[in-house]
Amino acid sequence: MPKKEKRGTVVSAAMDKTIVVSIVENHPHKKYNKIQKRTIKFKAHDELNTARVGQQVIIQESRPYSKTKC
């Protein structure tokens, strides 16, 4: 089974080996069908601390690395 991938922007890289990735999705309103932007933030593992704020990254689901990172 292939693992899910999402593309987003790095919002924070201040933590050690962890980055926060913001993903913007366009989602229609249930009643009015107007397109709304929804922002979801994920914490991702960055072993080498190479990601910088503003970079576009692709994150992939994996085993849990900590309580909030998976």
N, C-alpha and C. Protein backbone atom coordinates (compact mmCIF):
# COMPACT_ATOMS: atom_id res chain seq x y z
N MET A 1 0.84 -1.17 0.00
CA MET A 1 0.00 0.00 0.00
C MET A 1 0.89 1.25 0.00
N PRO A 2 0.70 2.16 -0.95
CA PRO A 2 1.55 3.36 -1.00
C PRO A 2 1.27 4.30 0.16
N LYS A 3 2.31 5.00 0.58
CA LYS A 3 2.17 5.94 1.69
C LYS A 3 1.67 7.28 1.17
N LYS A 4 0.89 7.97 2.00
CA LYS A 4 0.33 9.25 1.60
C LYS A 4 1.42 10.32 1.59
N GLU A 5 1.34 11.21 0.62
CA GLU A 5 2.28 12.32 0.53
C GLU A 5 1.51 13.63 0.44
N LYS A 6 2.04 14.68 1.05
CA LYS A 6 1.44 16.00 0.98
C LYS A 6 2.54 17.02 0.73
N ARG A 7 2.19 18.09 0.00
CA ARG A 7 3.13 19.15 -0.32
C ARG A 7 2.75 20.38 0.50
N GLY A 8 3.74 21.00 1.13
CA GLY A 8 3.46 22.18 1.95
C GLY A 8 4.66 23.09 2.08
N THR A 9 4.50 24.12 2.89
CA THR A 9 5.52 25.13 3.11
C THR A 9 6.01 25.04 4.55
N VAL A 10 7.31 25.15 4.74
CA VAL A 10 7.88 25.13 6.08
C VAL A 10 7.57 26.45 6.76
N VAL A 11 6.92 26.37 7.92
CA VAL A 11 6.53 27.55 8.68
C VAL A 11 7.51 27.82 9.80
N SER A 12 8.03 26.75 10.43
CA SER A 12 8.95 26.91 11.54
C SER A 12 10.01 25.82 11.46
N ALA A 13 11.26 26.21 11.73
CA ALA A 13 12.35 25.25 11.78
C ALA A 13 13.20 25.50 13.03
N ALA A 14 12.59 26.01 14.09
CA ALA A 14 13.32 26.39 15.29
C ALA A 14 13.65 25.19 16.19
N MET A 15 12.89 24.11 16.09
CA MET A 15 13.12 22.95 16.94
C MET A 15 14.22 22.07 16.37
N ASP A 16 14.82 21.26 17.23
CA ASP A 16 15.89 20.37 16.81
C ASP A 16 15.28 19.13 16.14
N LYS A 17 15.65 18.89 14.90
CA LYS A 17 15.22 17.74 14.09
C LYS A 17 13.72 17.72 13.83
N THR A 18 13.05 18.85 13.96
CA THR A 18 11.60 18.93 13.72
C THR A 18 11.28 20.19 12.96
N ILE A 19 10.40 20.08 11.99
CA ILE A 19 9.91 21.25 11.27
C ILE A 19 8.38 21.24 11.32
N VAL A 20 7.80 22.42 11.19
CA VAL A 20 6.35 22.55 11.11
C VAL A 20 6.01 22.90 9.67
N VAL A 21 5.16 22.08 9.05
CA VAL A 21 4.78 22.25 7.65
C VAL A 21 3.31 22.65 7.59
N SER A 22 3.03 23.72 6.87
CA SER A 22 1.67 24.21 6.70
C SER A 22 1.16 23.80 5.33
N ILE A 23 -0.01 23.16 5.30
CA ILE A 23 -0.60 22.71 4.05
C ILE A 23 -1.94 23.42 3.88
N VAL A 24 -2.11 24.08 2.72
CA VAL A 24 -3.34 24.81 2.43
C VAL A 24 -4.18 23.97 1.47
N GLU A 25 -5.44 23.71 1.86
CA GLU A 25 -6.35 22.94 1.01
C GLU A 25 -7.57 23.80 0.69
N ASN A 26 -8.06 23.69 -0.52
CA ASN A 26 -9.31 24.35 -0.90
C ASN A 26 -10.44 23.36 -0.69
N HIS A 27 -11.44 23.78 0.09
CA HIS A 27 -12.51 22.89 0.48
C HIS A 27 -13.84 23.60 0.30
N PRO A 28 -14.83 23.00 -0.35
CA PRO A 28 -16.11 23.69 -0.51
C PRO A 28 -16.92 23.71 0.78
N HIS A 29 -17.65 24.78 1.00
CA HIS A 29 -18.55 24.89 2.14
C HIS A 29 -19.69 23.89 1.95
N LYS A 30 -20.15 23.27 3.05
CA LYS A 30 -21.16 22.23 2.94
C LYS A 30 -22.48 22.75 2.39
N LYS A 31 -22.89 23.92 2.84
CA LYS A 31 -24.19 24.43 2.43
C LYS A 31 -24.11 25.32 1.19
N TYR A 32 -23.14 26.23 1.16
CA TYR A 32 -23.10 27.25 0.11
C TYR A 32 -22.17 26.93 -1.06
N ASN A 33 -21.34 25.88 -0.92
CA ASN A 33 -20.41 25.44 -1.97
C ASN A 33 -19.38 26.49 -2.36
N LYS A 34 -19.18 27.51 -1.54
CA LYS A 34 -18.11 28.46 -1.80
C LYS A 34 -16.79 27.83 -1.38
N ILE A 35 -15.76 28.04 -2.17
CA ILE A 35 -14.45 27.46 -1.87
C ILE A 35 -13.81 28.22 -0.71
N GLN A 36 -13.38 27.47 0.30
CA GLN A 36 -12.72 28.04 1.47
C GLN A 36 -11.32 27.45 1.58
N LYS A 37 -10.38 28.26 2.05
CA LYS A 37 -9.03 27.77 2.31
C LYS A 37 -8.97 27.22 3.72
N ARG A 38 -8.41 26.03 3.86
CA ARG A 38 -8.19 25.45 5.17
C ARG A 38 -6.70 25.18 5.31
N THR A 39 -6.16 25.60 6.43
CA THR A 39 -4.74 25.42 6.69
C THR A 39 -4.56 24.36 7.78
N ILE A 40 -3.74 23.38 7.49
CA ILE A 40 -3.43 22.32 8.44
C ILE A 40 -1.93 22.35 8.68
N LYS A 41 -1.52 22.24 9.94
CA LYS A 41 -0.11 22.21 10.27
C LYS A 41 0.28 20.82 10.75
N PHE A 42 1.39 20.32 10.22
CA PHE A 42 1.94 19.04 10.61
C PHE A 42 3.35 19.25 11.13
N LYS A 43 3.74 18.45 12.13
CA LYS A 43 5.14 18.41 12.55
C LYS A 43 5.79 17.25 11.84
N ALA A 44 6.93 17.50 11.24
CA ALA A 44 7.63 16.48 10.47
C ALA A 44 9.06 16.32 10.97
N HIS A 45 9.60 15.15 10.77
CA HIS A 45 10.96 14.84 11.21
C HIS A 45 11.96 15.31 10.16
N ASP A 46 12.99 16.02 10.60
CA ASP A 46 14.05 16.51 9.71
C ASP A 46 15.38 16.14 10.37
N GLU A 47 15.90 14.98 10.03
CA GLU A 47 17.07 14.43 10.71
C GLU A 47 18.30 15.33 10.62
N LEU A 48 18.54 15.95 9.46
CA LEU A 48 19.76 16.72 9.26
C LEU A 48 19.58 18.23 9.46
N ASN A 49 18.40 18.66 9.84
CA ASN A 49 18.09 20.09 10.03
C ASN A 49 18.43 20.92 8.79
N THR A 50 18.03 20.42 7.61
CA THR A 50 18.35 21.12 6.37
C THR A 50 17.24 22.04 5.89
N ALA A 51 16.02 21.84 6.35
CA ALA A 51 14.88 22.63 5.86
C ALA A 51 14.92 24.04 6.48
N ARG A 52 14.54 25.02 5.67
CA ARG A 52 14.49 26.42 6.10
C ARG A 52 13.08 26.95 5.93
N VAL A 53 12.77 28.01 6.64
CA VAL A 53 11.44 28.62 6.58
C VAL A 53 11.17 29.13 5.17
N GLY A 54 9.99 28.82 4.63
CA GLY A 54 9.60 29.26 3.30
C GLY A 54 9.83 28.23 2.21
N GLN A 55 10.56 27.17 2.47
CA GLN A 55 10.82 26.15 1.47
C GLN A 55 9.58 25.30 1.23
N GLN A 56 9.42 24.83 -0.01
CA GLN A 56 8.37 23.89 -0.34
C GLN A 56 8.93 22.48 -0.09
N VAL A 57 8.18 21.66 0.66
CA VAL A 57 8.63 20.31 0.98
C VAL A 57 7.49 19.33 0.73
N ILE A 58 7.86 18.07 0.58
CA ILE A 58 6.89 16.99 0.47
C ILE A 58 7.08 16.12 1.71
N ILE A 59 5.99 15.91 2.44
CA ILE A 59 6.06 15.05 3.63
C ILE A 59 5.32 13.76 3.33
N GLN A 60 5.78 12.69 3.94
CA GLN A 60 5.22 11.37 3.71
C GLN A 60 4.91 10.73 5.05
N GLU A 61 3.80 10.01 5.13
CA GLU A 61 3.45 9.37 6.39
C GLU A 61 4.48 8.29 6.73
N SER A 62 4.71 8.09 8.03
CA SER A 62 5.70 7.12 8.48
C SER A 62 5.32 6.64 9.87
N ARG A 63 6.20 5.91 10.46
CA ARG A 63 5.97 5.45 11.83
C ARG A 63 6.01 6.65 12.77
N PRO A 64 5.42 6.57 13.94
CA PRO A 64 5.49 7.69 14.88
C PRO A 64 6.92 7.90 15.39
N TYR A 65 7.41 9.14 15.28
CA TYR A 65 8.73 9.47 15.80
C TYR A 65 8.63 10.00 17.22
N SER A 66 7.49 10.60 17.58
CA SER A 66 7.26 11.09 18.93
C SER A 66 5.75 11.20 19.11
N LYS A 67 5.33 11.84 20.19
CA LYS A 67 3.89 11.97 20.46
C LYS A 67 3.18 12.78 19.38
N THR A 68 3.83 13.81 18.84
CA THR A 68 3.17 14.68 17.88
C THR A 68 3.67 14.50 16.44
N LYS A 69 4.79 13.82 16.25
CA LYS A 69 5.35 13.63 14.89
C LYS A 69 5.05 12.22 14.40
N CYS A 70 4.46 12.15 13.19
CA CYS A 70 4.26 10.84 12.57
C CYS A 70 4.11 11.00 11.06
